[in-house]
Amino acid sequence: MANENVVFVGKKGTMAYVLAVVTQINQGVKTVQIKARGRAISRAVDVAEIVKNKFVMDSKIDKVDISTEEIKTEEGNTLKVSAIEITLTK
């Protein structure tokens, strides 16, 4: 799967990510991955549900993967952060 089919969810408003996903689907992409870590996980779920229920009704959530990623802080400590990867298919 190519990297351009991935939308990384962060601190922007939910609709910015919805627009990014819908734009990719309108360009003919069949599968889009929505990825997020930490506090952005709930926003990623919102994005997937809004796209599925309001914009691209014939899409479906194909797969949801959850994991824990280790991130090094500036002080050198290791943090464990939850991550989610939602695969949306048209």
PDB file of N, CA and C in Angstrom:
ATOM      1  N   MET A   1       0.850  -1.187   0.000  1.00  0.00           N
ATOM      2  CA  MET A   1       0.000   0.000   0.000  1.00  0.00           C
ATOM      3  C   MET A   1       0.886   1.238   0.000  1.00  0.00           C
ATOM      4  N   ALA A   2       0.630   2.153  -0.871  1.00  0.00           N
ATOM      5  CA  ALA A   2       1.454   3.350  -1.007  1.00  0.00           C
ATOM      6  C   ALA A   2       1.223   4.303   0.162  1.00  0.00           C
ATOM      7  N   ASN A   3       2.233   5.078   0.467  1.00  0.00           N
ATOM      8  CA  ASN A   3       2.166   5.997   1.601  1.00  0.00           C
ATOM      9  C   ASN A   3       1.197   7.149   1.377  1.00  0.00           C
ATOM     10  N   GLU A   4       0.873   7.480   0.107  1.00  0.00           N
ATOM     11  CA  GLU A   4      -0.048   8.591  -0.126  1.00  0.00           C
ATOM     12  C   GLU A   4      -1.490   8.241   0.216  1.00  0.00           C
ATOM     13  N   ASN A   5      -1.764   6.984   0.516  1.00  0.00           N
ATOM     14  CA  ASN A   5      -3.111   6.567   0.902  1.00  0.00           C
ATOM     15  C   ASN A   5      -3.296   6.604   2.415  1.00  0.00           C
ATOM     16  N   VAL A   6      -2.428   7.326   3.109  1.00  0.00           N
ATOM     17  CA  VAL A   6      -2.467   7.387   4.567  1.00  0.00           C
ATOM     18  C   VAL A   6      -2.782   8.810   5.006  1.00  0.00           C
ATOM     19  N   VAL A   7      -3.710   8.934   5.953  1.00  0.00           N
ATOM     20  CA  VAL A   7      -4.015  10.222   6.566  1.00  0.00           C
ATOM     21  C   VAL A   7      -3.628  10.114   8.035  1.00  0.00           C
ATOM     22  N   PHE A   8      -2.662  10.947   8.449  1.00  0.00           N
ATOM     23  CA  PHE A   8      -2.232  10.965   9.844  1.00  0.00           C
ATOM     24  C   PHE A   8      -3.057  12.007  10.585  1.00  0.00           C
ATOM     25  N   VAL A   9      -3.793  11.563  11.603  1.00  0.00           N
ATOM     26  CA  VAL A   9      -4.668  12.454  12.360  1.00  0.00           C
ATOM     27  C   VAL A   9      -3.888  13.034  13.531  1.00  0.00           C
ATOM     28  N   GLY A  10      -3.978  14.368  13.674  1.00  0.00           N
ATOM     29  CA  GLY A  10      -3.260  15.056  14.748  1.00  0.00           C
ATOM     30  C   GLY A  10      -4.162  16.042  15.449  1.00  0.00           C
ATOM     31  N   LYS A  11      -3.702  17.306  15.519  1.00  0.00           N
ATOM     32  CA  LYS A  11      -4.385  18.309  16.337  1.00  0.00           C
ATOM     33  C   LYS A  11      -5.370  19.188  15.580  1.00  0.00           C
ATOM     34  N   LYS A  12      -5.426  19.090  14.258  1.00  0.00           N
ATOM     35  CA  LYS A  12      -6.356  19.924  13.489  1.00  0.00           C
ATOM     36  C   LYS A  12      -7.798  19.510  13.786  1.00  0.00           C
ATOM     37  N   GLY A  13      -8.729  20.278  13.257  1.00  0.00           N
ATOM     38  CA  GLY A  13     -10.135  19.946  13.424  1.00  0.00           C
ATOM     39  C   GLY A  13     -10.503  18.676  12.673  1.00  0.00           C
ATOM     40  N   THR A  14     -11.504  17.990  13.150  1.00  0.00           N
ATOM     41  CA  THR A  14     -11.933  16.722  12.568  1.00  0.00           C
ATOM     42  C   THR A  14     -12.247  16.849  11.081  1.00  0.00           C
ATOM     43  N   MET A  15     -12.920  17.925  10.693  1.00  0.00           N
ATOM     44  CA  MET A  15     -13.348  18.060   9.303  1.00  0.00           C
ATOM     45  C   MET A  15     -12.172  18.231   8.337  1.00  0.00           C
ATOM     46  N   ALA A  16     -11.036  18.705   8.811  1.00  0.00           N
ATOM     47  CA  ALA A  16      -9.854  18.808   7.949  1.00  0.00           C
ATOM     48  C   ALA A  16      -9.404  17.417   7.506  1.00  0.00           C
ATOM     49  N   TYR A  17      -9.468  16.461   8.425  1.00  0.00           N
ATOM     50  CA  TYR A  17      -9.071  15.084   8.099  1.00  0.00           C
ATOM     51  C   TYR A  17     -10.147  14.381   7.276  1.00  0.00           C
ATOM     52  N   VAL A  18     -11.419  14.684   7.558  1.00  0.00           N
ATOM     53  CA  VAL A  18     -12.517  14.136   6.753  1.00  0.00           C
ATOM     54  C   VAL A  18     -12.337  14.579   5.308  1.00  0.00           C
ATOM     55  N   LEU A  19     -12.028  15.857   5.103  1.00  0.00           N
ATOM     56  CA  LEU A  19     -11.803  16.388   3.758  1.00  0.00           C
ATOM     57  C   LEU A  19     -10.629  15.675   3.071  1.00  0.00           C
ATOM     58  N   ALA A  20      -9.559  15.416   3.811  1.00  0.00           N
ATOM     59  CA  ALA A  20      -8.397  14.727   3.247  1.00  0.00           C
ATOM     60  C   ALA A  20      -8.762  13.317   2.788  1.00  0.00           C
ATOM     61  N   VAL A  21      -9.541  12.593   3.586  1.00  0.00           N
ATOM     62  CA  VAL A  21      -9.948  11.228   3.234  1.00  0.00           C
ATOM     63  C   VAL A  21     -10.889  11.244   2.032  1.00  0.00           C
ATOM     64  N   VAL A  22     -11.899  12.120   2.063  1.00  0.00           N
ATOM     65  CA  VAL A  22     -12.878  12.193   0.977  1.00  0.00           C
ATOM     66  C   VAL A  22     -12.189  12.603  -0.332  1.00  0.00           C
ATOM     67  N   THR A  23     -11.230  13.515  -0.253  1.00  0.00           N
ATOM     68  CA  THR A  23     -10.480  13.937  -1.445  1.00  0.00           C
ATOM     69  C   THR A  23      -9.754  12.758  -2.059  1.00  0.00           C
ATOM     70  N   GLN A  24      -9.094  11.950  -1.233  1.00  0.00           N
ATOM     71  CA  GLN A  24      -8.380  10.783  -1.754  1.00  0.00           C
ATOM     72  C   GLN A  24      -9.348   9.802  -2.413  1.00  0.00           C
ATOM     73  N   ILE A  25     -10.480   9.555  -1.780  1.00  0.00           N
ATOM     74  CA  ILE A  25     -11.461   8.628  -2.344  1.00  0.00           C
ATOM     75  C   ILE A  25     -12.000   9.170  -3.672  1.00  0.00           C
ATOM     76  N   ASN A  26     -12.245  10.481  -3.739  1.00  0.00           N
ATOM     77  CA  ASN A  26     -12.740  11.087  -4.976  1.00  0.00           C
ATOM     78  C   ASN A  26     -11.709  11.039  -6.098  1.00  0.00           C
ATOM     79  N   GLN A  27     -10.432  10.936  -5.756  1.00  0.00           N
ATOM     80  CA  GLN A  27      -9.375  10.827  -6.756  1.00  0.00           C
ATOM     81  C   GLN A  27      -9.203   9.395  -7.246  1.00  0.00           C
ATOM     82  N   GLY A  28     -10.036   8.477  -6.745  1.00  0.00           N
ATOM     83  CA  GLY A  28     -10.019   7.106  -7.230  1.00  0.00           C
ATOM     84  C   GLY A  28      -9.314   6.098  -6.357  1.00  0.00           C
ATOM     85  N   VAL A  29      -8.823   6.534  -5.200  1.00  0.00           N
ATOM     86  CA  VAL A  29      -8.161   5.605  -4.284  1.00  0.00           C
ATOM     87  C   VAL A  29      -9.213   4.678  -3.679  1.00  0.00           C
ATOM     88  N   LYS A  30      -8.957   3.380  -3.689  1.00  0.00           N
ATOM     89  CA  LYS A  30      -9.931   2.410  -3.172  1.00  0.00           C
ATOM     90  C   LYS A  30      -9.803   2.199  -1.667  1.00  0.00           C
ATOM     91  N   THR A  31      -8.580   2.350  -1.133  1.00  0.00           N
ATOM     92  CA  THR A  31      -8.328   2.091   0.285  1.00  0.00           C
ATOM     93  C   THR A  31      -7.552   3.253   0.886  1.00  0.00           C
ATOM     94  N   VAL A  32      -8.037   3.772   2.021  1.00  0.00           N
ATOM     95  CA  VAL A  32      -7.353   4.849   2.733  1.00  0.00           C
ATOM     96  C   VAL A  32      -7.123   4.392   4.166  1.00  0.00           C
ATOM     97  N   GLN A  33      -5.907   4.606   4.656  1.00  0.00           N
ATOM     98  CA  GLN A  33      -5.610   4.294   6.049  1.00  0.00           C
ATOM     99  C   GLN A  33      -5.646   5.581   6.866  1.00  0.00           C
ATOM    100  N   ILE A  34      -6.314   5.513   7.998  1.00  0.00           N
ATOM    101  CA  ILE A  34      -6.370   6.638   8.926  1.00  0.00           C
ATOM    102  C   ILE A  34      -5.574   6.218  10.148  1.00  0.00           C
ATOM    103  N   LYS A  35      -4.500   6.962  10.451  1.00  0.00           N
ATOM    104  CA  LYS A  35      -3.621   6.594  11.557  1.00  0.00           C
ATOM    105  C   LYS A  35      -3.592   7.709  12.590  1.00  0.00           C
ATOM    106  N   ALA A  36      -3.491   7.307  13.863  1.00  0.00           N
ATOM    107  CA  ALA A  36      -3.404   8.289  14.943  1.00  0.00           C
ATOM    108  C   ALA A  36      -2.728   7.659  16.154  1.00  0.00           C
ATOM    109  N   ARG A  37      -2.201   8.530  17.017  1.00  0.00           N
ATOM    110  CA  ARG A  37      -1.589   8.083  18.265  1.00  0.00           C
ATOM    111  C   ARG A  37      -2.133   8.912  19.420  1.00  0.00           C
ATOM    112  N   GLY A  38      -2.144   8.325  20.586  1.00  0.00           N
ATOM    113  CA  GLY A  38      -2.482   9.043  21.814  1.00  0.00           C
ATOM    114  C   GLY A  38      -3.862   9.655  21.807  1.00  0.00           C
ATOM    115  N   ARG A  39      -3.912  10.945  22.141  1.00  0.00           N
ATOM    116  CA  ARG A  39      -5.202  11.634  22.275  1.00  0.00           C
ATOM    117  C   ARG A  39      -5.934  11.809  20.959  1.00  0.00           C
ATOM    118  N   ALA A  40      -5.244  11.665  19.848  1.00  0.00           N
ATOM    119  CA  ALA A  40      -5.874  11.835  18.533  1.00  0.00           C
ATOM    120  C   ALA A  40      -6.654  10.597  18.097  1.00  0.00           C
ATOM    121  N   ILE A  41      -6.581   9.509  18.869  1.00  0.00           N
ATOM    122  CA  ILE A  41      -7.271   8.268  18.494  1.00  0.00           C
ATOM    123  C   ILE A  41      -8.777   8.491  18.365  1.00  0.00           C
ATOM    124  N   SER A  42      -9.368   9.195  19.311  1.00  0.00           N
ATOM    125  CA  SER A  42     -10.822   9.416  19.242  1.00  0.00           C
ATOM    126  C   SER A  42     -11.186  10.258  18.020  1.00  0.00           C
ATOM    127  N   ARG A  43     -10.324  11.198  17.652  1.00  0.00           N
ATOM    128  CA  ARG A  43     -10.561  12.014  16.455  1.00  0.00           C
ATOM    129  C   ARG A  43     -10.492  11.140  15.201  1.00  0.00           C
ATOM    130  N   ALA A  44      -9.560  10.188  15.167  1.00  0.00           N
ATOM    131  CA  ALA A  44      -9.436   9.288  14.014  1.00  0.00           C
ATOM    132  C   ALA A  44     -10.692   8.437  13.856  1.00  0.00           C
ATOM    133  N   VAL A  45     -11.233   7.961  14.968  1.00  0.00           N
ATOM    134  CA  VAL A  45     -12.473   7.177  14.921  1.00  0.00           C
ATOM    135  C   VAL A  45     -13.613   8.059  14.411  1.00  0.00           C
ATOM    136  N   ASP A  46     -13.684   9.306  14.885  1.00  0.00           N
ATOM    137  CA  ASP A  46     -14.701  10.242  14.410  1.00  0.00           C
ATOM    138  C   ASP A  46     -14.579  10.460  12.903  1.00  0.00           C
ATOM    139  N   VAL A  47     -13.348  10.636  12.413  1.00  0.00           N
ATOM    140  CA  VAL A  47     -13.118  10.853  10.983  1.00  0.00           C
ATOM    141  C   VAL A  47     -13.652   9.673  10.181  1.00  0.00           C
ATOM    142  N   ALA A  48     -13.301   8.455  10.585  1.00  0.00           N
ATOM    143  CA  ALA A  48     -13.747   7.258   9.866  1.00  0.00           C
ATOM    144  C   ALA A  48     -15.275   7.162   9.857  1.00  0.00           C
ATOM    145  N   GLU A  49     -15.904   7.422  10.978  1.00  0.00           N
ATOM    146  CA  GLU A  49     -17.364   7.323  11.067  1.00  0.00           C
ATOM    147  C   GLU A  49     -18.060   8.409  10.254  1.00  0.00           C
ATOM    148  N   ILE A  50     -17.532   9.631  10.273  1.00  0.00           N
ATOM    149  CA  ILE A  50     -18.146  10.716   9.506  1.00  0.00           C
ATOM    150  C   ILE A  50     -18.042  10.429   8.011  1.00  0.00           C
ATOM    151  N   VAL A  51     -16.859   9.969   7.564  1.00  0.00           N
ATOM    152  CA  VAL A  51     -16.692   9.643   6.143  1.00  0.00           C
ATOM    153  C   VAL A  51     -17.661   8.541   5.746  1.00  0.00           C
ATOM    154  N   LYS A  52     -17.730   7.501   6.565  1.00  0.00           N
ATOM    155  CA  LYS A  52     -18.567   6.337   6.252  1.00  0.00           C
ATOM    156  C   LYS A  52     -20.055   6.681   6.264  1.00  0.00           C
ATOM    157  N   ASN A  53     -20.494   7.485   7.205  1.00  0.00           N
ATOM    158  CA  ASN A  53     -21.930   7.727   7.385  1.00  0.00           C
ATOM    159  C   ASN A  53     -22.476   8.949   6.650  1.00  0.00           C
ATOM    160  N   LYS A  54     -21.612   9.931   6.345  1.00  0.00           N
ATOM    161  CA  LYS A  54     -22.136  11.173   5.764  1.00  0.00           C
ATOM    162  C   LYS A  54     -21.639  11.482   4.364  1.00  0.00           C
ATOM    163  N   PHE A  55     -20.423  11.049   4.018  1.00  0.00           N
ATOM    164  CA  PHE A  55     -19.832  11.476   2.743  1.00  0.00           C
ATOM    165  C   PHE A  55     -19.718  10.359   1.719  1.00  0.00           C
ATOM    166  N   VAL A  56     -19.220   9.214   2.121  1.00  0.00           N
ATOM    167  CA  VAL A  56     -19.032   8.099   1.184  1.00  0.00           C
ATOM    168  C   VAL A  56     -19.808   6.909   1.752  1.00  0.00           C
ATOM    169  N   MET A  57     -21.113   6.892   1.482  1.00  0.00           N
ATOM    170  CA  MET A  57     -21.990   5.899   2.097  1.00  0.00           C
ATOM    171  C   MET A  57     -21.657   4.464   1.705  1.00  0.00           C
ATOM    172  N   ASP A  58     -21.054   4.267   0.528  1.00  0.00           N
ATOM    173  CA  ASP A  58     -20.751   2.893   0.105  1.00  0.00           C
ATOM    174  C   ASP A  58     -19.367   2.440   0.578  1.00  0.00           C
ATOM    175  N   SER A  59     -18.736   3.209   1.475  1.00  0.00           N
ATOM    176  CA  SER A  59     -17.453   2.780   2.034  1.00  0.00           C
ATOM    177  C   SER A  59     -17.698   1.958   3.294  1.00  0.00           C
ATOM    178  N   LYS A  60     -16.682   1.202   3.690  1.00  0.00           N
ATOM    179  CA  LYS A  60     -16.796   0.421   4.923  1.00  0.00           C
ATOM    180  C   LYS A  60     -15.450   0.407   5.633  1.00  0.00           C
ATOM    181  N   ILE A  61     -15.524   0.214   6.931  1.00  0.00           N
ATOM    182  CA  ILE A  61     -14.308   0.084   7.719  1.00  0.00           C
ATOM    183  C   ILE A  61     -13.877  -1.369   7.595  1.00  0.00           C
ATOM    184  N   ASP A  62     -12.758  -1.550   6.915  1.00  0.00           N
ATOM    185  CA  ASP A  62     -12.272  -2.883   6.572  1.00  0.00           C
ATOM    186  C   ASP A  62     -11.534  -3.541   7.728  1.00  0.00           C
ATOM    187  N   LYS A  63     -10.674  -2.757   8.381  1.00  0.00           N
ATOM    188  CA  LYS A  63      -9.816  -3.333   9.408  1.00  0.00           C
ATOM    189  C   LYS A  63      -9.444  -2.240  10.407  1.00  0.00           C
ATOM    190  N   VAL A  64      -9.336  -2.620  11.680  1.00  0.00           N
ATOM    191  CA  VAL A  64      -8.866  -1.704  12.716  1.00  0.00           C
ATOM    192  C   VAL A  64      -7.751  -2.408  13.472  1.00  0.00           C
ATOM    193  N   ASP A  65      -6.579  -1.788  13.471  1.00  0.00           N
ATOM    194  CA  ASP A  65      -5.443  -2.334  14.219  1.00  0.00           C
ATOM    195  C   ASP A  65      -5.100  -1.378  15.344  1.00  0.00           C
ATOM    196  N   ILE A  66      -4.882  -1.939  16.528  1.00  0.00           N
ATOM    197  CA  ILE A  66      -4.416  -1.121  17.649  1.00  0.00           C
ATOM    198  C   ILE A  66      -3.066  -1.650  18.095  1.00  0.00           C
ATOM    199  N   SER A  67      -2.243  -0.734  18.589  1.00  0.00           N
ATOM    200  CA  SER A  67      -0.913  -1.138  19.018  1.00  0.00           C
ATOM    201  C   SER A  67      -0.387  -0.138  20.041  1.00  0.00           C
ATOM    202  N   THR A  68       0.794  -0.438  20.568  1.00  0.00           N
ATOM    203  CA  THR A  68       1.497   0.475  21.461  1.00  0.00           C
ATOM    204  C   THR A  68       2.848   0.773  20.843  1.00  0.00           C
ATOM    205  N   GLU A  69       3.159   2.057  20.711  1.00  0.00           N
ATOM    206  CA  GLU A  69       4.442   2.460  20.156  1.00  0.00           C
ATOM    207  C   GLU A  69       5.287   3.092  21.238  1.00  0.00           C
ATOM    208  N   GLU A  70       6.586   2.845  21.177  1.00  0.00           N
ATOM    209  CA  GLU A  70       7.502   3.463  22.129  1.00  0.00           C
ATOM    210  C   GLU A  70       8.142   4.678  21.478  1.00  0.00           C
ATOM    211  N   ILE A  71       8.096   5.789  22.183  1.00  0.00           N
ATOM    212  CA  ILE A  71       8.638   7.046  21.670  1.00  0.00           C
ATOM    213  C   ILE A  71       9.676   7.557  22.663  1.00  0.00           C
ATOM    214  N   LYS A  72      10.798   8.019  22.138  1.00  0.00           N
ATOM    215  CA  LYS A  72      11.833   8.623  22.997  1.00  0.00           C
ATOM    216  C   LYS A  72      11.519  10.101  23.179  1.00  0.00           C
ATOM    217  N   THR A  73      11.581  10.562  24.439  1.00  0.00           N
ATOM    218  CA  THR A  73      11.377  11.978  24.719  1.00  0.00           C
ATOM    219  C   THR A  73      12.699  12.718  24.539  1.00  0.00           C
ATOM    220  N   GLU A  74      12.652  14.048  24.621  1.00  0.00           N
ATOM    221  CA  GLU A  74      13.862  14.854  24.484  1.00  0.00           C
ATOM    222  C   GLU A  74      14.847  14.575  25.614  1.00  0.00           C
ATOM    223  N   GLU A  75      14.334  14.167  26.772  1.00  0.00           N
ATOM    224  CA  GLU A  75      15.200  13.860  27.907  1.00  0.00           C
ATOM    225  C   GLU A  75      15.826  12.471  27.791  1.00  0.00           C
ATOM    226  N   GLY A  76      15.391  11.687  26.806  1.00  0.00           N
ATOM    227  CA  GLY A  76      15.934  10.346  26.632  1.00  0.00           C
ATOM    228  C   GLY A  76      15.075   9.254  27.248  1.00  0.00           C
ATOM    229  N   ASN A  77      13.975   9.623  27.877  1.00  0.00           N
ATOM    230  CA  ASN A  77      13.069   8.631  28.462  1.00  0.00           C
ATOM    231  C   ASN A  77      12.249   7.969  27.358  1.00  0.00           C
ATOM    232  N   THR A  78      11.689   6.805  27.675  1.00  0.00           N
ATOM    233  CA  THR A  78      10.845   6.099  26.722  1.00  0.00           C
ATOM    234  C   THR A  78       9.396   6.177  27.182  1.00  0.00           C
ATOM    235  N   LEU A  79       8.517   6.624  26.274  1.00  0.00           N
ATOM    236  CA  LEU A  79       7.084   6.677  26.558  1.00  0.00           C
ATOM    237  C   LEU A  79       6.370   5.637  25.712  1.00  0.00           C
ATOM    238  N   LYS A  80       5.360   5.015  26.284  1.00  0.00           N
ATOM    239  CA  LYS A  80       4.521   4.104  25.514  1.00  0.00           C
ATOM    240  C   LYS A  80       3.240   4.845  25.159  1.00  0.00           C
ATOM    241  N   VAL A  81       2.938   4.877  23.852  1.00  0.00           N
ATOM    242  CA  VAL A  81       1.777   5.610  23.359  1.00  0.00           C
ATOM    243  C   VAL A  81       0.903   4.659  22.553  1.00  0.00           C
ATOM    244  N   SER A  82      -0.401   4.696  22.826  1.00  0.00           N
ATOM    245  CA  SER A  82      -1.336   3.871  22.070  1.00  0.00           C
ATOM    246  C   SER A  82      -1.463   4.412  20.653  1.00  0.00           C
ATOM    247  N   ALA A  83      -1.696   3.494  19.699  1.00  0.00           N
ATOM    248  CA  ALA A  83      -1.847   3.899  18.303  1.00  0.00           C
ATOM    249  C   ALA A  83      -2.989   3.105  17.673  1.00  0.00           C
ATOM    250  N   ILE A  84      -3.617   3.696  16.653  1.00  0.00           N
ATOM    251  CA  ILE A  84      -4.702   3.024  15.937  1.00  0.00           C
ATOM    252  C   ILE A  84      -4.488   3.230  14.447  1.00  0.00           C
ATOM    253  N   GLU A  85      -4.886   2.221  13.681  1.00  0.00           N
ATOM    254  CA  GLU A  85      -4.814   2.287  12.225  1.00  0.00           C
ATOM    255  C   GLU A  85      -6.147   1.748  11.697  1.00  0.00           C
ATOM    256  N   ILE A  86      -6.920   2.633  11.072  1.00  0.00           N
ATOM    257  CA  ILE A  86      -8.239   2.273  10.553  1.00  0.00           C
ATOM    258  C   ILE A  86      -8.147   2.217   9.026  1.00  0.00           C
ATOM    259  N   THR A  87      -8.525   1.093   8.450  1.00  0.00           N
ATOM    260  CA  THR A  87      -8.495   0.950   6.994  1.00  0.00           C
ATOM    261  C   THR A  87      -9.913   1.099   6.468  1.00  0.00           C
ATOM    262  N   LEU A  88     -10.104   2.127   5.635  1.00  0.00           N
ATOM    263  CA  LEU A  88     -11.412   2.433   5.054  1.00  0.00           C
ATOM    264  C   LEU A  88     -11.376   2.051   3.589  1.00  0.00           C
ATOM    265  N   THR A  89     -12.344   1.250   3.147  1.00  0.00           N
ATOM    266  CA  THR A  89     -12.369   0.764   1.767  1.00  0.00           C
ATOM    267  C   THR A  89     -13.657   1.198   1.084  1.00  0.00           C
ATOM    268  N   LYS A  90     -13.527   1.626  -0.170  1.00  0.00           N
ATOM    269  CA  LYS A  90     -14.710   2.003  -0.946  1.00  0.00           C
ATOM    270  C   LYS A  90     -15.098   0.846  -1.848  1.00  0.00           C
TER     271      LYS A  90
END
